[in-house]
């Protein structure tokens, strides 16, 4: 399946465990390799990761599983906060 790069802008990104990651802001291209290197994702779900002053995150293209109406990426548990950090009372 072929897709225009511009069609990726604004698409929602979810993990394969149905967790919202964010929205595609930009696409990083590998010009020499003639391929997409990563997606720059903004409006990141604050429950997933601590942005540490960053406005978004880069999602390597190799972890993308599907591109359709939304983008589905592999769920990587190390990319997200630990349960103990999320639930402080």
PDB file of N, CA and C in Angstrom:
ATOM      1  N   UNK A   1       0.836  -1.179   0.000  1.00  0.00           N
ATOM      2  CA  UNK A   1       0.000   0.000   0.000  1.00  0.00           C
ATOM      3  C   UNK A   1       0.875   1.234   0.000  1.00  0.00           C
ATOM      4  N   UNK A   2       0.563   2.164  -0.846  1.00  0.00           N
ATOM      5  CA  UNK A   2       1.303   3.415  -0.900  1.00  0.00           C
ATOM      6  C   UNK A   2       0.458   4.527  -0.307  1.00  0.00           C
ATOM      7  N   UNK A   3       1.130   5.421   0.416  1.00  0.00           N
ATOM      8  CA  UNK A   3       0.462   6.548   1.057  1.00  0.00           C
ATOM      9  C   UNK A   3       1.318   7.784   0.859  1.00  0.00           C
ATOM     10  N   UNK A   4       0.696   8.908   0.607  1.00  0.00           N
ATOM     11  CA  UNK A   4       1.409  10.170   0.533  1.00  0.00           C
ATOM     12  C   UNK A   4       1.866  10.556   1.941  1.00  0.00           C
ATOM     13  N   UNK A   5       3.079  11.082   2.058  1.00  0.00           N
ATOM     14  CA  UNK A   5       3.597  11.487   3.356  1.00  0.00           C
ATOM     15  C   UNK A   5       2.692  12.538   3.995  1.00  0.00           C
ATOM     16  N   UNK A   6       2.152  13.433   3.190  1.00  0.00           N
ATOM     17  CA  UNK A   6       1.304  14.492   3.731  1.00  0.00           C
ATOM     18  C   UNK A   6       0.017  13.952   4.345  1.00  0.00           C
ATOM     19  N   UNK A   7      -0.403  12.749   3.952  1.00  0.00           N
ATOM     20  CA  UNK A   7      -1.597  12.150   4.532  1.00  0.00           C
ATOM     21  C   UNK A   7      -1.379  11.714   5.980  1.00  0.00           C
ATOM     22  N   UNK A   8      -0.121  11.583   6.392  1.00  0.00           N
ATOM     23  CA  UNK A   8       0.184  11.153   7.756  1.00  0.00           C
ATOM     24  C   UNK A   8       0.004  12.274   8.774  1.00  0.00           C
ATOM     25  N   UNK A   9       0.142  13.527   8.337  1.00  0.00           N
ATOM     26  CA  UNK A   9       0.037  14.658   9.254  1.00  0.00           C
ATOM     27  C   UNK A   9      -1.341  14.709   9.894  1.00  0.00           C
ATOM     28  N   UNK A  10      -1.357  14.842  11.215  1.00  0.00           N
ATOM     29  CA  UNK A  10      -2.607  14.933  11.945  1.00  0.00           C
ATOM     30  C   UNK A  10      -3.236  13.598  12.305  1.00  0.00           C
ATOM     31  N   UNK A  11      -2.664  12.493  11.824  1.00  0.00           N
ATOM     32  CA  UNK A  11      -3.232  11.181  12.141  1.00  0.00           C
ATOM     33  C   UNK A  11      -2.973  10.833  13.604  1.00  0.00           C
ATOM     34  N   UNK A  12      -3.933  10.160  14.219  1.00  0.00           N
ATOM     35  CA  UNK A  12      -3.772   9.697  15.591  1.00  0.00           C
ATOM     36  C   UNK A  12      -2.929   8.437  15.614  1.00  0.00           C
ATOM     37  N   UNK A  13      -2.097   8.324  16.644  1.00  0.00           N
ATOM     38  CA  UNK A  13      -1.224   7.172  16.819  1.00  0.00           C
ATOM     39  C   UNK A  13      -1.650   6.429  18.078  1.00  0.00           C
ATOM     40  N   UNK A  14      -1.848   5.120  17.935  1.00  0.00           N
ATOM     41  CA  UNK A  14      -2.236   4.253  19.041  1.00  0.00           C
ATOM     42  C   UNK A  14      -1.283   3.067  19.106  1.00  0.00           C
ATOM     43  N   UNK A  15      -1.136   2.482  20.306  1.00  0.00           N
ATOM     44  CA  UNK A  15      -0.385   1.234  20.422  1.00  0.00           C
ATOM     45  C   UNK A  15      -1.297   0.091  20.032  1.00  0.00           C
ATOM     46  N   UNK A  16      -0.719  -1.082  19.851  1.00  0.00           N
ATOM     47  CA  UNK A  16      -1.536  -2.247  19.517  1.00  0.00           C
ATOM     48  C   UNK A  16      -2.329  -2.756  20.725  1.00  0.00           C
ATOM     49  N   UNK A  17      -2.181  -2.065  21.864  1.00  0.00           N
ATOM     50  CA  UNK A  17      -3.010  -2.353  23.040  1.00  0.00           C
ATOM     51  C   UNK A  17      -4.061  -1.256  23.226  1.00  0.00           C
ATOM     52  N   UNK A  18      -4.341  -0.515  22.154  1.00  0.00           N
ATOM     53  CA  UNK A  18      -5.393   0.510  22.105  1.00  0.00           C
ATOM     54  C   UNK A  18      -5.153   1.683  23.049  1.00  0.00           C
ATOM     55  N   UNK A  19      -3.886   2.047  23.240  1.00  0.00           N
ATOM     56  CA  UNK A  19      -3.542   3.199  24.070  1.00  0.00           C
ATOM     57  C   UNK A  19      -3.170   4.350  23.149  1.00  0.00           C
ATOM     58  N   UNK A  20      -3.827   5.501  23.341  1.00  0.00           N
ATOM     59  CA  UNK A  20      -3.537   6.684  22.528  1.00  0.00           C
ATOM     60  C   UNK A  20      -2.139   7.189  22.844  1.00  0.00           C
ATOM     61  N   UNK A  21      -1.326   7.405  21.819  1.00  0.00           N
ATOM     62  CA  UNK A  21       0.033   7.910  21.978  1.00  0.00           C
ATOM     63  C   UNK A  21       0.078   9.401  21.704  1.00  0.00           C
ATOM     64  N   UNK A  22      -0.456   9.840  20.572  1.00  0.00           N
ATOM     65  CA  UNK A  22      -0.432  11.247  20.207  1.00  0.00           C
ATOM     66  C   UNK A  22      -0.870  11.440  18.777  1.00  0.00           C
ATOM     67  N   UNK A  23      -0.480  12.581  18.215  1.00  0.00           N
ATOM     68  CA  UNK A  23      -0.883  12.962  16.862  1.00  0.00           C
ATOM     69  C   UNK A  23       0.364  13.286  16.048  1.00  0.00           C
ATOM     70  N   UNK A  24       0.408  12.823  14.798  1.00  0.00           N
ATOM     71  CA  UNK A  24       1.574  13.044  13.942  1.00  0.00           C
ATOM     72  C   UNK A  24       1.700  14.522  13.602  1.00  0.00           C
ATOM     73  N   UNK A  25       2.847  15.116  13.971  1.00  0.00           N
ATOM     74  CA  UNK A  25       3.147  16.504  13.644  1.00  0.00           C
ATOM     75  C   UNK A  25       4.063  16.627  12.433  1.00  0.00           C
ATOM     76  N   UNK A  26       4.968  15.658  12.288  1.00  0.00           N
ATOM     77  CA  UNK A  26       5.966  15.750  11.225  1.00  0.00           C
ATOM     78  C   UNK A  26       6.495  14.360  10.907  1.00  0.00           C
ATOM     79  N   UNK A  27       7.194  14.253   9.792  1.00  0.00           N
ATOM     80  CA  UNK A  27       7.775  12.998   9.356  1.00  0.00           C
ATOM     81  C   UNK A  27       9.256  13.231   9.084  1.00  0.00           C
ATOM     82  N   UNK A  28      10.114  12.376   9.656  1.00  0.00           N
ATOM     83  CA  UNK A  28      11.541  12.460   9.408  1.00  0.00           C
ATOM     84  C   UNK A  28      11.890  11.493   8.292  1.00  0.00           C
ATOM     85  N   UNK A  29      12.545  12.008   7.257  1.00  0.00           N
ATOM     86  CA  UNK A  29      12.875  11.198   6.092  1.00  0.00           C
ATOM     87  C   UNK A  29      14.360  10.877   6.050  1.00  0.00           C
ATOM     88  N   UNK A  30      14.678   9.668   5.604  1.00  0.00           N
ATOM     89  CA  UNK A  30      16.052   9.269   5.315  1.00  0.00           C
ATOM     90  C   UNK A  30      16.190   9.400   3.803  1.00  0.00           C
ATOM     91  N   UNK A  31      16.735  10.531   3.385  1.00  0.00           N
ATOM     92  CA  UNK A  31      16.824  10.834   1.952  1.00  0.00           C
ATOM     93  C   UNK A  31      17.712   9.829   1.222  1.00  0.00           C
ATOM     94  N   UNK A  32      18.855   9.484   1.817  1.00  0.00           N
ATOM     95  CA  UNK A  32      19.768   8.539   1.161  1.00  0.00           C
ATOM     96  C   UNK A  32      19.134   7.158   1.016  1.00  0.00           C
ATOM     97  N   UNK A  33      18.414   6.721   2.050  1.00  0.00           N
ATOM     98  CA  UNK A  33      17.774   5.413   2.013  1.00  0.00           C
ATOM     99  C   UNK A  33      16.417   5.417   1.342  1.00  0.00           C
ATOM    100  N   UNK A  34      15.932   6.618   1.015  1.00  0.00           N
ATOM    101  CA  UNK A  34      14.631   6.788   0.366  1.00  0.00           C
ATOM    102  C   UNK A  34      13.503   6.124   1.158  1.00  0.00           C
ATOM    103  N   UNK A  35      13.464   6.439   2.478  1.00  0.00           N
ATOM    104  CA  UNK A  35      12.434   5.859   3.325  1.00  0.00           C
ATOM    105  C   UNK A  35      12.124   6.793   4.493  1.00  0.00           C
ATOM    106  N   UNK A  36      11.033   6.496   5.174  1.00  0.00           N
ATOM    107  CA  UNK A  36      10.668   7.252   6.373  1.00  0.00           C
ATOM    108  C   UNK A  36      11.481   6.703   7.531  1.00  0.00           C
ATOM    109  N   UNK A  37      12.091   7.599   8.304  1.00  0.00           N
ATOM    110  CA  UNK A  37      12.917   7.201   9.439  1.00  0.00           C
ATOM    111  C   UNK A  37      12.097   7.161  10.728  1.00  0.00           C
ATOM    112  N   UNK A  38      11.267   8.191  10.963  1.00  0.00           N
ATOM    113  CA  UNK A  38      10.486   8.268  12.194  1.00  0.00           C
ATOM    114  C   UNK A  38       9.330   9.235  12.015  1.00  0.00           C
ATOM    115  N   UNK A  39       8.375   9.136  12.922  1.00  0.00           N
ATOM    116  CA  UNK A  39       7.273  10.085  12.982  1.00  0.00           C
ATOM    117  C   UNK A  39       7.476  10.962  14.211  1.00  0.00           C
ATOM    118  N   UNK A  40       7.330  12.272  14.035  1.00  0.00           N
ATOM    119  CA  UNK A  40       7.369  13.198  15.166  1.00  0.00           C
ATOM    120  C   UNK A  40       5.937  13.331  15.667  1.00  0.00           C
ATOM    121  N   UNK A  41       5.715  12.910  16.901  1.00  0.00           N
ATOM    122  CA  UNK A  41       4.370  12.877  17.469  1.00  0.00           C
ATOM    123  C   UNK A  41       4.235  13.963  18.522  1.00  0.00           C
ATOM    124  N   UNK A  42       3.192  14.771  18.385  1.00  0.00           N
ATOM    125  CA  UNK A  42       2.881  15.814  19.351  1.00  0.00           C
ATOM    126  C   UNK A  42       1.573  15.486  20.046  1.00  0.00           C
ATOM    127  N   UNK A  43       1.106  16.400  20.890  1.00  0.00           N
ATOM    128  CA  UNK A  43      -0.111  16.175  21.681  1.00  0.00           C
ATOM    129  C   UNK A  43      -0.055  14.809  22.348  1.00  0.00           C
ATOM    130  N   UNK A  44       1.107  14.508  22.932  1.00  0.00           N
ATOM    131  CA  UNK A  44       1.373  13.202  23.524  1.00  0.00           C
ATOM    132  C   UNK A  44       0.500  12.981  24.753  1.00  0.00           C
ATOM    133  N   UNK A  45      -0.018  11.796  24.875  1.00  0.00           N
ATOM    134  CA  UNK A  45      -0.819  11.389  26.020  1.00  0.00           C
ATOM    135  C   UNK A  45       0.030  11.547  27.288  1.00  0.00           C
ATOM    136  N   UNK A  46      -0.331  12.464  28.195  1.00  0.00           N
ATOM    137  CA  UNK A  46       0.484  12.713  29.385  1.00  0.00           C
ATOM    138  C   UNK A  46       0.542  11.533  30.346  1.00  0.00           C
ATOM    139  N   UNK A  47      -0.359  10.580  30.199  1.00  0.00           N
ATOM    140  CA  UNK A  47      -0.352   9.410  31.067  1.00  0.00           C
ATOM    141  C   UNK A  47       0.676   8.369  30.638  1.00  0.00           C
ATOM    142  N   UNK A  48       1.248   8.536  29.447  1.00  0.00           N
ATOM    143  CA  UNK A  48       2.191   7.546  28.947  1.00  0.00           C
ATOM    144  C   UNK A  48       3.622   7.798  29.371  1.00  0.00           C
ATOM    145  N   UNK A  49       4.042   9.023  29.277  1.00  0.00           N
ATOM    146  CA  UNK A  49       5.445   9.316  29.493  1.00  0.00           C
ATOM    147  C   UNK A  49       5.612  10.712  30.056  1.00  0.00           C
ATOM    148  N   UNK A  50       6.705  10.940  30.736  1.00  0.00           N
ATOM    149  CA  UNK A  50       7.028  12.256  31.261  1.00  0.00           C
ATOM    150  C   UNK A  50       7.779  13.008  30.168  1.00  0.00           C
ATOM    151  N   UNK A  51       7.220  14.089  29.631  1.00  0.00           N
ATOM    152  CA  UNK A  51       7.851  14.778  28.503  1.00  0.00           C
ATOM    153  C   UNK A  51       9.177  15.450  28.845  1.00  0.00           C
ATOM    154  N   UNK A  52       9.459  15.713  30.122  1.00  0.00           N
ATOM    155  CA  UNK A  52      10.725  16.313  30.558  1.00  0.00           C
ATOM    156  C   UNK A  52      11.084  17.547  29.734  1.00  0.00           C
ATOM    157  N   UNK A  53      10.110  18.411  29.499  1.00  0.00           N
ATOM    158  CA  UNK A  53      10.357  19.651  28.774  1.00  0.00           C
ATOM    159  C   UNK A  53      10.282  19.519  27.262  1.00  0.00           C
ATOM    160  N   UNK A  54      10.110  18.319  26.754  1.00  0.00           N
ATOM    161  CA  UNK A  54      10.015  18.118  25.308  1.00  0.00           C
ATOM    162  C   UNK A  54       8.571  18.306  24.864  1.00  0.00           C
ATOM    163  N   UNK A  55       8.392  18.739  23.644  1.00  0.00           N
ATOM    164  CA  UNK A  55       7.058  18.978  23.110  1.00  0.00           C
ATOM    165  C   UNK A  55       6.414  17.734  22.509  1.00  0.00           C
ATOM    166  N   UNK A  56       7.198  16.709  22.260  1.00  0.00           N
ATOM    167  CA  UNK A  56       6.675  15.497  21.650  1.00  0.00           C
ATOM    168  C   UNK A  56       7.680  14.378  21.746  1.00  0.00           C
ATOM    169  N   UNK A  57       7.488  13.373  20.904  1.00  0.00           N
ATOM    170  CA  UNK A  57       8.435  12.268  20.877  1.00  0.00           C
ATOM    171  C   UNK A  57       8.562  11.744  19.458  1.00  0.00           C
ATOM    172  N   UNK A  58       9.656  11.018  19.219  1.00  0.00           N
ATOM    173  CA  UNK A  58       9.887  10.401  17.917  1.00  0.00           C
ATOM    174  C   UNK A  58       9.520   8.934  17.994  1.00  0.00           C
ATOM    175  N   UNK A  59       8.729   8.498  17.052  1.00  0.00           N
ATOM    176  CA  UNK A  59       8.338   7.096  16.965  1.00  0.00           C
ATOM    177  C   UNK A  59       9.083   6.499  15.773  1.00  0.00           C
ATOM    178  N   UNK A  60      10.030   5.590  16.036  1.00  0.00           N
ATOM    179  CA  UNK A  60      10.769   4.978  14.921  1.00  0.00           C
ATOM    180  C   UNK A  60       9.821   4.251  13.967  1.00  0.00           C
ATOM    181  N   UNK A  61      10.066   4.396  12.692  1.00  0.00           N
ATOM    182  CA  UNK A  61       9.173   3.803  11.701  1.00  0.00           C
ATOM    183  C   UNK A  61       9.149   2.282  11.794  1.00  0.00           C
ATOM    184  N   UNK A  62      10.213   1.684  12.298  1.00  0.00           N
ATOM    185  CA  UNK A  62      10.290   0.225  12.378  1.00  0.00           C
ATOM    186  C   UNK A  62       9.270  -0.377  13.350  1.00  0.00           C
ATOM    187  N   UNK A  63       8.716   0.433  14.288  1.00  0.00           N
ATOM    188  CA  UNK A  63       7.736  -0.127  15.220  1.00  0.00           C
ATOM    189  C   UNK A  63       6.295   0.110  14.755  1.00  0.00           C
ATOM    190  N   UNK A  64       6.132   0.731  13.603  1.00  0.00           N
ATOM    191  CA  UNK A  64       4.790   0.949  13.068  1.00  0.00           C
ATOM    192  C   UNK A  64       4.280  -0.353  12.472  1.00  0.00           C
ATOM    193  N   UNK A  65       3.075  -0.745  12.908  1.00  0.00           N
ATOM    194  CA  UNK A  65       2.473  -1.980  12.424  1.00  0.00           C
ATOM    195  C   UNK A  65       1.523  -1.732  11.264  1.00  0.00           C
ATOM    196  N   UNK A  66       0.698  -0.678  11.371  1.00  0.00           N
ATOM    197  CA  UNK A  66      -0.348  -0.435  10.382  1.00  0.00           C
ATOM    198  C   UNK A  66      -0.583   1.051  10.201  1.00  0.00           C
ATOM    199  N   UNK A  67      -0.830   1.450   8.964  1.00  0.00           N
ATOM    200  CA  UNK A  67      -1.245   2.816   8.657  1.00  0.00           C
ATOM    201  C   UNK A  67      -2.552   2.709   7.892  1.00  0.00           C
ATOM    202  N   UNK A  68      -3.580   3.343   8.423  1.00  0.00           N
ATOM    203  CA  UNK A  68      -4.902   3.345   7.792  1.00  0.00           C
ATOM    204  C   UNK A  68      -5.581   4.641   8.177  1.00  0.00           C
ATOM    205  N   UNK A  69      -6.749   4.536   8.803  1.00  0.00           N
ATOM    206  CA  UNK A  69      -7.412   5.723   9.336  1.00  0.00           C
ATOM    207  C   UNK A  69      -6.663   6.248  10.548  1.00  0.00           C
ATOM    208  N   UNK A  70      -5.980   5.341  11.248  1.00  0.00           N
ATOM    209  CA  UNK A  70      -5.091   5.688  12.359  1.00  0.00           C
ATOM    210  C   UNK A  70      -3.784   4.946  12.138  1.00  0.00           C
ATOM    211  N   UNK A  71      -2.789   5.270  12.949  1.00  0.00           N
ATOM    212  CA  UNK A  71      -1.506   4.573  12.891  1.00  0.00           C
ATOM    213  C   UNK A  71      -1.392   3.721  14.147  1.00  0.00           C
ATOM    214  N   UNK A  72      -1.062   2.457  13.963  1.00  0.00           N
ATOM    215  CA  UNK A  72      -0.897   1.545  15.092  1.00  0.00           C
ATOM    216  C   UNK A  72       0.570   1.157  15.187  1.00  0.00           C
ATOM    217  N   UNK A  73       1.126   1.321  16.398  1.00  0.00           N
ATOM    218  CA  UNK A  73       2.526   0.977  16.646  1.00  0.00           C
ATOM    219  C   UNK A  73       2.584  -0.150  17.668  1.00  0.00           C
ATOM    220  N   UNK A  74       3.713  -0.857  17.678  1.00  0.00           N
ATOM    221  CA  UNK A  74       3.919  -1.898  18.691  1.00  0.00           C
ATOM    222  C   UNK A  74       3.958  -1.265  20.066  1.00  0.00           C
ATOM    223  N   UNK A  75       3.377  -1.924  21.035  1.00  0.00           N
ATOM    224  CA  UNK A  75       3.409  -1.445  22.414  1.00  0.00           C
ATOM    225  C   UNK A  75       4.770  -1.798  23.002  1.00  0.00           C
ATOM    226  N   UNK A  76       5.493  -0.787  23.480  1.00  0.00           N
ATOM    227  CA  UNK A  76       6.796  -1.009  24.097  1.00  0.00           C
ATOM    228  C   UNK A  76       6.683  -0.567  25.545  1.00  0.00           C
ATOM    229  N   UNK A  77       6.668  -1.523  26.444  1.00  0.00           N
ATOM    230  CA  UNK A  77       6.417  -1.220  27.862  1.00  0.00           C
ATOM    231  C   UNK A  77       7.479  -0.307  28.460  1.00  0.00           C
ATOM    232  N   UNK A  78       8.706  -0.364  27.995  1.00  0.00           N
ATOM    233  CA  UNK A  78       9.764   0.484  28.559  1.00  0.00           C
ATOM    234  C   UNK A  78       9.610   1.941  28.157  1.00  0.00           C
ATOM    235  N   UNK A  79       8.752   2.213  27.185  1.00  0.00           N
ATOM    236  CA  UNK A  79       8.548   3.592  26.743  1.00  0.00           C
ATOM    237  C   UNK A  79       7.560   4.331  27.627  1.00  0.00           C
ATOM    238  N   UNK A  80       6.913   3.621  28.541  1.00  0.00           N
ATOM    239  CA  UNK A  80       5.875   4.230  29.351  1.00  0.00           C
ATOM    240  C   UNK A  80       6.257   4.227  30.817  1.00  0.00           C
ATOM    241  N   UNK A  81       5.610   5.111  31.581  1.00  0.00           N
ATOM    242  CA  UNK A  81       5.847   5.198  33.017  1.00  0.00           C
ATOM    243  C   UNK A  81       5.525   3.883  33.701  1.00  0.00           C
ATOM    244  N   UNK A  82       6.188   3.660  34.796  1.00  0.00           N
ATOM    245  CA  UNK A  82       5.873   2.493  35.610  1.00  0.00           C
ATOM    246  C   UNK A  82       4.623   2.795  36.427  1.00  0.00           C
ATOM    247  N   UNK A  83       3.856   1.776  36.776  1.00  0.00           N
ATOM    248  CA  UNK A  83       2.621   1.947  37.534  1.00  0.00           C
ATOM    249  C   UNK A  83       2.850   2.671  38.853  1.00  0.00           C
ATOM    250  N   UNK A  84       3.986   2.466  39.493  1.00  0.00           N
ATOM    251  CA  UNK A  84       4.250   3.107  40.774  1.00  0.00           C
ATOM    252  C   UNK A  84       4.415   4.610  40.626  1.00  0.00           C
ATOM    253  N   UNK A  85       4.927   5.053  39.488  1.00  0.00           N
ATOM    254  CA  UNK A  85       5.090   6.491  39.263  1.00  0.00           C
ATOM    255  C   UNK A  85       3.759   7.140  38.906  1.00  0.00           C
ATOM    256  N   UNK A  86       2.880   6.403  38.242  1.00  0.00           N
ATOM    257  CA  UNK A  86       1.611   6.968  37.794  1.00  0.00           C
ATOM    258  C   UNK A  86       0.630   7.156  38.932  1.00  0.00           C
ATOM    259  N   UNK A  87       0.593   6.243  39.879  1.00  0.00           N
ATOM    260  CA  UNK A  87      -0.443   6.247  40.887  1.00  0.00           C
ATOM    261  C   UNK A  87       0.126   6.602  42.259  1.00  0.00           C
ATOM    262  N   UNK A  88       0.434   7.852  42.444  1.00  0.00           N
ATOM    263  CA  UNK A  88       0.879   8.322  43.750  1.00  0.00           C
ATOM    264  C   UNK A  88      -0.287   8.989  44.432  1.00  0.00           C
ATOM    265  N   UNK A  89      -0.532   8.609  45.657  1.00  0.00           N
ATOM    266  CA  UNK A  89      -1.700   9.141  46.385  1.00  0.00           C
ATOM    267  C   UNK A  89      -1.226  10.124  47.424  1.00  0.00           C
TER     268      UNK A  89
END
